[in-house]
Amino acid sequence: MVVAVAAWYAYQEYNRKNKNLAEVEAEITINATTLLEAFEKDSSAANKRYLGKILAVNGIIKSIETEDNDATVILGDAGNMSSVRCSMDTTYAMKMASYKEGQSITIRGACTGFNKDDLLGSDVILNRCVINQKNK
């Protein structure tokens, strides 16, 4: 009996899919500049507050990087080397063609970390990102 339950659990976990973030409410809504400042000031405290959470981040598009069917939206101030890097969910990657640098946008995604680099600028990383409903 224990083996059957363990096998069923393993099967369920193996086939588990991530939730579509378009259908999930953001736990925290924050401006890209404020989010960056929190991580740059105290990354340990910011990790405790934001890491693993679904964030709705509003900001100005610095650039959009596309490769094949993938898109990454870079949010932040043009004069600042640091940014919020939003790796778009593949279903939203193609929709990014209608957005331009300098445009304001709100993107919802899972905060997965912070890459600190004093020389090239630091990045807060969001994955599985979707365009917030009000931007459609």
N, C-alpha and C. Protein backbone atom coordinates (compact mmCIF):
# COMPACT_ATOMS: atom_id res chain seq x y z
N MET A 1 0.82 -1.19 0.00
CA MET A 1 0.00 0.00 0.00
C MET A 1 0.87 1.27 0.00
N VAL A 2 1.92 1.28 0.82
CA VAL A 2 2.80 2.44 0.90
C VAL A 2 3.49 2.68 -0.44
N VAL A 3 3.88 1.62 -1.11
CA VAL A 3 4.54 1.74 -2.41
C VAL A 3 3.58 2.35 -3.43
N ALA A 4 2.32 1.95 -3.39
CA ALA A 4 1.33 2.48 -4.33
C ALA A 4 1.11 3.97 -4.09
N VAL A 5 1.01 4.38 -2.84
CA VAL A 5 0.82 5.79 -2.52
C VAL A 5 2.05 6.60 -2.94
N ALA A 6 3.23 6.08 -2.67
CA ALA A 6 4.47 6.76 -3.05
C ALA A 6 4.56 6.89 -4.57
N ALA A 7 4.18 5.85 -5.28
CA ALA A 7 4.22 5.88 -6.74
C ALA A 7 3.22 6.91 -7.28
N TRP A 8 2.02 6.95 -6.71
CA TRP A 8 1.01 7.92 -7.13
C TRP A 8 1.50 9.34 -6.89
N TYR A 9 2.08 9.60 -5.72
CA TYR A 9 2.60 10.93 -5.38
C TYR A 9 3.72 11.33 -6.35
N ALA A 10 4.63 10.41 -6.61
CA ALA A 10 5.73 10.69 -7.53
C ALA A 10 5.19 11.02 -8.93
N TYR A 11 4.20 10.28 -9.38
CA TYR A 11 3.59 10.53 -10.68
C TYR A 11 2.96 11.92 -10.73
N GLN A 12 2.22 12.29 -9.67
CA GLN A 12 1.57 13.60 -9.60
C GLN A 12 2.61 14.73 -9.63
N GLU A 13 3.66 14.59 -8.88
CA GLU A 13 4.70 15.62 -8.84
C GLU A 13 5.43 15.73 -10.17
N TYR A 14 5.69 14.59 -10.80
CA TYR A 14 6.38 14.58 -12.09
C TYR A 14 5.56 15.31 -13.15
N ASN A 15 4.25 15.17 -13.10
CA ASN A 15 3.36 15.75 -14.10
C ASN A 15 2.75 17.09 -13.69
N ARG A 16 3.17 17.63 -12.54
CA ARG A 16 2.62 18.89 -12.06
C ARG A 16 3.06 20.02 -12.99
N LYS A 17 2.13 20.92 -13.28
CA LYS A 17 2.42 22.06 -14.13
C LYS A 17 2.37 23.34 -13.30
N ASN A 18 3.18 24.32 -13.69
CA ASN A 18 3.14 25.62 -13.03
C ASN A 18 1.84 26.32 -13.36
N LYS A 19 1.33 27.10 -12.41
CA LYS A 19 0.12 27.87 -12.66
C LYS A 19 0.42 28.96 -13.67
N ASN A 20 -0.56 29.24 -14.53
CA ASN A 20 -0.46 30.35 -15.46
C ASN A 20 -0.59 31.64 -14.65
N LEU A 21 0.43 32.48 -14.65
CA LEU A 21 0.41 33.67 -13.82
C LEU A 21 -0.61 34.70 -14.26
N ALA A 22 -1.19 34.53 -15.44
CA ALA A 22 -2.27 35.42 -15.87
C ALA A 22 -3.51 35.20 -15.01
N GLU A 23 -3.59 34.05 -14.38
CA GLU A 23 -4.75 33.70 -13.56
C GLU A 23 -4.47 33.80 -12.06
N VAL A 24 -3.30 34.31 -11.69
CA VAL A 24 -2.90 34.39 -10.28
C VAL A 24 -2.78 35.85 -9.88
N GLU A 25 -3.34 36.20 -8.72
CA GLU A 25 -3.20 37.57 -8.20
C GLU A 25 -1.79 37.80 -7.71
N ALA A 26 -1.29 39.00 -7.94
CA ALA A 26 0.03 39.36 -7.42
C ALA A 26 -0.06 39.51 -5.91
N GLU A 27 0.97 39.02 -5.23
CA GLU A 27 1.03 39.16 -3.78
C GLU A 27 1.49 40.56 -3.39
N ILE A 28 2.31 41.18 -4.25
CA ILE A 28 2.86 42.50 -3.97
C ILE A 28 2.87 43.29 -5.29
N THR A 29 2.41 44.53 -5.24
CA THR A 29 2.52 45.44 -6.38
C THR A 29 3.56 46.49 -6.01
N ILE A 30 4.52 46.70 -6.91
CA ILE A 30 5.65 47.57 -6.59
C ILE A 30 6.21 48.20 -7.86
N ASN A 31 6.82 49.35 -7.72
CA ASN A 31 7.48 50.03 -8.82
C ASN A 31 8.86 49.41 -9.03
N ALA A 32 9.31 49.32 -10.27
CA ALA A 32 10.61 48.70 -10.58
C ALA A 32 11.76 49.39 -9.85
N THR A 33 11.74 50.70 -9.78
CA THR A 33 12.81 51.44 -9.11
C THR A 33 12.83 51.12 -7.61
N THR A 34 11.68 51.05 -6.99
CA THR A 34 11.58 50.74 -5.56
C THR A 34 12.07 49.33 -5.28
N LEU A 35 11.72 48.39 -6.16
CA LEU A 35 12.16 47.00 -6.01
C LEU A 35 13.68 46.91 -6.10
N LEU A 36 14.26 47.57 -7.08
CA LEU A 36 15.72 47.58 -7.22
C LEU A 36 16.40 48.18 -6.00
N GLU A 37 15.88 49.29 -5.53
CA GLU A 37 16.46 49.94 -4.35
C GLU A 37 16.42 49.03 -3.13
N ALA A 38 15.33 48.28 -2.97
CA ALA A 38 15.22 47.36 -1.83
C ALA A 38 16.32 46.30 -1.87
N PHE A 39 16.56 45.73 -3.05
CA PHE A 39 17.59 44.70 -3.18
C PHE A 39 18.99 45.29 -3.05
N GLU A 40 19.22 46.47 -3.60
CA GLU A 40 20.54 47.08 -3.53
C GLU A 40 20.88 47.55 -2.11
N LYS A 41 19.88 47.97 -1.36
CA LYS A 41 20.09 48.45 0.00
C LYS A 41 20.36 47.30 0.96
N ASP A 42 19.54 46.23 0.89
CA ASP A 42 19.67 45.09 1.79
C ASP A 42 19.11 43.84 1.10
N SER A 43 19.96 43.16 0.36
CA SER A 43 19.49 42.02 -0.45
C SER A 43 18.95 40.89 0.42
N SER A 44 19.48 40.71 1.61
CA SER A 44 19.00 39.65 2.50
C SER A 44 17.55 39.91 2.92
N ALA A 45 17.25 41.13 3.34
CA ALA A 45 15.89 41.48 3.73
C ALA A 45 14.95 41.45 2.53
N ALA A 46 15.42 41.92 1.38
CA ALA A 46 14.60 41.91 0.17
C ALA A 46 14.29 40.47 -0.27
N ASN A 47 15.27 39.58 -0.16
CA ASN A 47 15.03 38.17 -0.49
C ASN A 47 13.92 37.60 0.38
N LYS A 48 13.95 37.91 1.67
CA LYS A 48 12.92 37.40 2.58
C LYS A 48 11.55 37.93 2.20
N ARG A 49 11.51 39.17 1.75
CA ARG A 49 10.22 39.80 1.43
C ARG A 49 9.69 39.42 0.05
N TYR A 50 10.56 39.31 -0.97
CA TYR A 50 10.10 39.17 -2.35
C TYR A 50 10.38 37.82 -3.02
N LEU A 51 11.43 37.13 -2.61
CA LEU A 51 11.83 35.90 -3.28
C LEU A 51 10.72 34.84 -3.22
N GLY A 52 10.40 34.27 -4.37
CA GLY A 52 9.37 33.24 -4.45
C GLY A 52 7.95 33.77 -4.50
N LYS A 53 7.80 35.08 -4.47
CA LYS A 53 6.47 35.70 -4.49
C LYS A 53 6.11 36.13 -5.90
N ILE A 54 4.80 36.24 -6.14
CA ILE A 54 4.31 36.76 -7.41
C ILE A 54 4.20 38.28 -7.26
N LEU A 55 4.95 39.01 -8.09
CA LEU A 55 4.99 40.46 -8.03
C LEU A 55 4.36 41.07 -9.27
N ALA A 56 3.66 42.18 -9.08
CA ALA A 56 3.22 43.02 -10.19
C ALA A 56 4.15 44.22 -10.17
N VAL A 57 5.02 44.32 -11.16
CA VAL A 57 6.04 45.36 -11.20
C VAL A 57 5.70 46.34 -12.31
N ASN A 58 5.55 47.62 -11.93
CA ASN A 58 5.30 48.63 -12.95
C ASN A 58 6.56 49.44 -13.15
N GLY A 59 6.79 49.80 -14.39
CA GLY A 59 7.99 50.56 -14.71
C GLY A 59 8.04 50.93 -16.18
N ILE A 60 9.14 51.54 -16.55
CA ILE A 60 9.38 51.98 -17.93
C ILE A 60 10.23 50.92 -18.63
N ILE A 61 9.86 50.58 -19.85
CA ILE A 61 10.61 49.59 -20.63
C ILE A 61 11.92 50.22 -21.09
N LYS A 62 13.05 49.67 -20.61
CA LYS A 62 14.38 50.11 -21.07
C LYS A 62 14.70 49.45 -22.39
N SER A 63 14.37 48.17 -22.50
CA SER A 63 14.60 47.43 -23.75
C SER A 63 13.81 46.13 -23.72
N ILE A 64 13.69 45.54 -24.89
CA ILE A 64 13.05 44.23 -25.04
C ILE A 64 14.01 43.37 -25.84
N GLU A 65 14.44 42.27 -25.25
CA GLU A 65 15.36 41.33 -25.91
C GLU A 65 14.54 40.15 -26.39
N THR A 66 14.67 39.83 -27.68
CA THR A 66 13.95 38.68 -28.23
C THR A 66 14.93 37.72 -28.90
N GLU A 67 14.64 36.44 -28.75
CA GLU A 67 15.43 35.40 -29.40
C GLU A 67 14.51 34.22 -29.62
N ASP A 68 14.34 33.83 -30.87
CA ASP A 68 13.41 32.77 -31.25
C ASP A 68 12.02 33.13 -30.70
N ASN A 69 11.44 32.28 -29.85
CA ASN A 69 10.11 32.53 -29.29
C ASN A 69 10.19 33.07 -27.86
N ASP A 70 11.36 33.53 -27.43
CA ASP A 70 11.54 34.03 -26.08
C ASP A 70 11.67 35.55 -26.10
N ALA A 71 11.19 36.18 -25.02
CA ALA A 71 11.34 37.63 -24.87
C ALA A 71 11.64 37.94 -23.41
N THR A 72 12.54 38.90 -23.22
CA THR A 72 12.85 39.41 -21.90
C THR A 72 12.66 40.91 -21.93
N VAL A 73 11.84 41.40 -21.01
CA VAL A 73 11.58 42.82 -20.91
C VAL A 73 12.45 43.37 -19.78
N ILE A 74 13.19 44.44 -20.07
CA ILE A 74 14.07 45.07 -19.09
C ILE A 74 13.38 46.36 -18.63
N LEU A 75 13.08 46.44 -17.32
CA LEU A 75 12.41 47.60 -16.74
C LEU A 75 13.37 48.40 -15.89
N GLY A 76 13.21 49.73 -15.89
CA GLY A 76 14.01 50.57 -15.02
C GLY A 76 14.26 51.93 -15.63
N ASP A 77 15.04 52.72 -14.92
CA ASP A 77 15.39 54.06 -15.38
C ASP A 77 16.52 53.97 -16.40
N ALA A 78 16.40 54.74 -17.48
CA ALA A 78 17.41 54.71 -18.54
C ALA A 78 18.80 55.09 -18.03
N GLY A 79 18.89 55.96 -17.04
CA GLY A 79 20.18 56.40 -16.53
C GLY A 79 20.80 55.48 -15.50
N ASN A 80 20.11 54.39 -15.17
CA ASN A 80 20.59 53.45 -14.15
C ASN A 80 20.99 52.14 -14.83
N MET A 81 22.17 51.63 -14.50
CA MET A 81 22.63 50.36 -15.09
C MET A 81 21.82 49.17 -14.57
N SER A 82 21.28 49.28 -13.36
CA SER A 82 20.51 48.19 -12.76
C SER A 82 19.11 48.15 -13.36
N SER A 83 18.49 46.95 -13.33
CA SER A 83 17.17 46.80 -13.94
C SER A 83 16.42 45.60 -13.35
N VAL A 84 15.16 45.52 -13.71
CA VAL A 84 14.34 44.35 -13.41
C VAL A 84 14.21 43.60 -14.73
N ARG A 85 14.70 42.35 -14.76
CA ARG A 85 14.67 41.53 -15.98
C ARG A 85 13.49 40.57 -15.89
N CYS A 86 12.56 40.72 -16.81
CA CYS A 86 11.32 39.94 -16.82
C CYS A 86 11.34 38.96 -17.98
N SER A 87 11.58 37.69 -17.70
CA SER A 87 11.54 36.65 -18.74
C SER A 87 10.07 36.30 -18.97
N MET A 88 9.58 36.62 -20.16
CA MET A 88 8.16 36.47 -20.45
C MET A 88 7.78 35.02 -20.66
N ASP A 89 6.58 34.67 -20.20
CA ASP A 89 5.98 33.38 -20.50
C ASP A 89 5.88 33.30 -22.02
N THR A 90 6.12 32.14 -22.60
CA THR A 90 6.16 32.02 -24.06
C THR A 90 4.86 32.46 -24.73
N THR A 91 3.72 32.34 -24.04
CA THR A 91 2.46 32.77 -24.65
C THR A 91 2.37 34.29 -24.77
N TYR A 92 3.20 35.02 -24.02
CA TYR A 92 3.21 36.48 -24.08
C TYR A 92 4.38 37.03 -24.87
N ALA A 93 5.34 36.21 -25.20
CA ALA A 93 6.55 36.69 -25.87
C ALA A 93 6.22 37.38 -27.19
N MET A 94 5.34 36.82 -27.97
CA MET A 94 5.00 37.41 -29.27
C MET A 94 4.23 38.72 -29.12
N LYS A 95 3.49 38.89 -28.03
CA LYS A 95 2.72 40.11 -27.80
C LYS A 95 3.62 41.30 -27.51
N MET A 96 4.86 41.06 -27.16
CA MET A 96 5.77 42.14 -26.80
C MET A 96 6.15 42.99 -28.01
N ALA A 97 5.89 42.51 -29.22
CA ALA A 97 6.22 43.28 -30.42
C ALA A 97 5.46 44.60 -30.48
N SER A 98 4.31 44.67 -29.81
CA SER A 98 3.51 45.90 -29.84
C SER A 98 3.95 46.92 -28.78
N TYR A 99 4.93 46.56 -27.95
CA TYR A 99 5.43 47.46 -26.91
C TYR A 99 6.77 48.05 -27.33
N LYS A 100 7.05 49.26 -26.87
CA LYS A 100 8.26 49.97 -27.28
C LYS A 100 9.03 50.48 -26.07
N GLU A 101 10.32 50.75 -26.27
CA GLU A 101 11.16 51.35 -25.24
C GLU A 101 10.55 52.67 -24.80
N GLY A 102 10.63 52.97 -23.50
CA GLY A 102 10.10 54.21 -22.97
C GLY A 102 8.65 54.13 -22.57
N GLN A 103 7.98 53.03 -22.92
CA GLN A 103 6.57 52.86 -22.59
C GLN A 103 6.42 52.34 -21.16
N SER A 104 5.38 52.79 -20.49
CA SER A 104 5.08 52.32 -19.14
C SER A 104 4.29 51.01 -19.24
N ILE A 105 4.61 50.06 -18.36
CA ILE A 105 3.96 48.76 -18.39
C ILE A 105 3.96 48.16 -16.99
N THR A 106 3.01 47.29 -16.73
CA THR A 106 3.01 46.51 -15.49
C THR A 106 3.08 45.04 -15.88
N ILE A 107 4.08 44.35 -15.33
CA ILE A 107 4.31 42.95 -15.63
C ILE A 107 4.23 42.15 -14.33
N ARG A 108 3.55 41.01 -14.40
CA ARG A 108 3.41 40.14 -13.23
C ARG A 108 4.29 38.92 -13.45
N GLY A 109 5.10 38.58 -12.43
CA GLY A 109 5.99 37.43 -12.55
C GLY A 109 6.46 36.93 -11.20
N ALA A 110 7.11 35.78 -11.20
CA ALA A 110 7.65 35.16 -9.99
C ALA A 110 9.06 35.67 -9.77
N CYS A 111 9.31 36.25 -8.60
CA CYS A 111 10.64 36.75 -8.28
C CYS A 111 11.55 35.57 -7.94
N THR A 112 12.61 35.41 -8.72
CA THR A 112 13.49 34.25 -8.53
C THR A 112 14.90 34.61 -8.09
N GLY A 113 15.20 35.91 -7.95
CA GLY A 113 16.53 36.22 -7.44
C GLY A 113 17.02 37.60 -7.78
N PHE A 114 18.26 37.83 -7.37
CA PHE A 114 18.92 39.11 -7.54
C PHE A 114 20.37 38.84 -7.91
N ASN A 115 20.82 39.41 -9.01
CA ASN A 115 22.21 39.29 -9.45
C ASN A 115 22.90 40.63 -9.21
N LYS A 116 23.78 40.66 -8.21
CA LYS A 116 24.47 41.90 -7.86
C LYS A 116 25.76 42.02 -8.67
N ASP A 117 25.92 43.17 -9.31
CA ASP A 117 27.13 43.46 -10.07
C ASP A 117 27.38 44.97 -10.00
N ASP A 118 28.34 45.37 -9.19
CA ASP A 118 28.62 46.79 -9.00
C ASP A 118 29.16 47.45 -10.26
N LEU A 119 29.80 46.69 -11.13
CA LEU A 119 30.40 47.24 -12.33
C LEU A 119 29.39 47.42 -13.47
N LEU A 120 28.58 46.38 -13.73
CA LEU A 120 27.66 46.40 -14.87
C LEU A 120 26.22 46.69 -14.51
N GLY A 121 25.92 46.81 -13.23
CA GLY A 121 24.54 47.03 -12.80
C GLY A 121 23.91 45.73 -12.34
N SER A 122 23.10 45.81 -11.33
CA SER A 122 22.47 44.63 -10.74
C SER A 122 21.10 44.40 -11.36
N ASP A 123 20.61 43.16 -11.27
CA ASP A 123 19.32 42.80 -11.85
C ASP A 123 18.47 42.02 -10.85
N VAL A 124 17.21 42.41 -10.74
CA VAL A 124 16.21 41.59 -10.07
C VAL A 124 15.60 40.74 -11.17
N ILE A 125 15.44 39.44 -10.91
CA ILE A 125 14.98 38.50 -11.94
C ILE A 125 13.55 38.07 -11.66
N LEU A 126 12.68 38.21 -12.67
CA LEU A 126 11.32 37.69 -12.63
C LEU A 126 11.17 36.68 -13.76
N ASN A 127 10.52 35.56 -13.47
CA ASN A 127 10.30 34.52 -14.47
C ASN A 127 8.82 34.25 -14.67
N ARG A 128 8.49 33.59 -15.79
CA ARG A 128 7.12 33.22 -16.15
C ARG A 128 6.21 34.43 -16.20
N CYS A 129 6.73 35.55 -16.67
CA CYS A 129 6.03 36.83 -16.63
C CYS A 129 4.90 36.91 -17.65
N VAL A 130 3.88 37.67 -17.25
CA VAL A 130 2.73 37.95 -18.11
C VAL A 130 2.48 39.45 -18.06
N ILE A 131 1.82 39.95 -19.08
CA ILE A 131 1.45 41.36 -19.12
C ILE A 131 0.23 41.52 -18.21
N ASN A 132 0.28 42.50 -17.33
CA ASN A 132 -0.83 42.75 -16.43
C ASN A 132 -2.07 43.12 -17.24
N GLN A 133 -3.22 42.71 -16.79
CA GLN A 133 -4.47 42.88 -17.51
C GLN A 133 -4.71 44.31 -17.99
N LYS A 134 -4.38 45.31 -17.20
CA LYS A 134 -4.69 46.69 -17.59
C LYS A 134 -3.86 47.18 -18.77
N ASN A 135 -2.81 46.42 -19.18
CA ASN A 135 -1.99 46.82 -20.32
C ASN A 135 -2.51 46.28 -21.64
N LYS A 136 -3.49 45.41 -21.60
CA LYS A 136 -3.94 44.75 -22.83
C LYS A 136 -4.69 45.67 -23.74
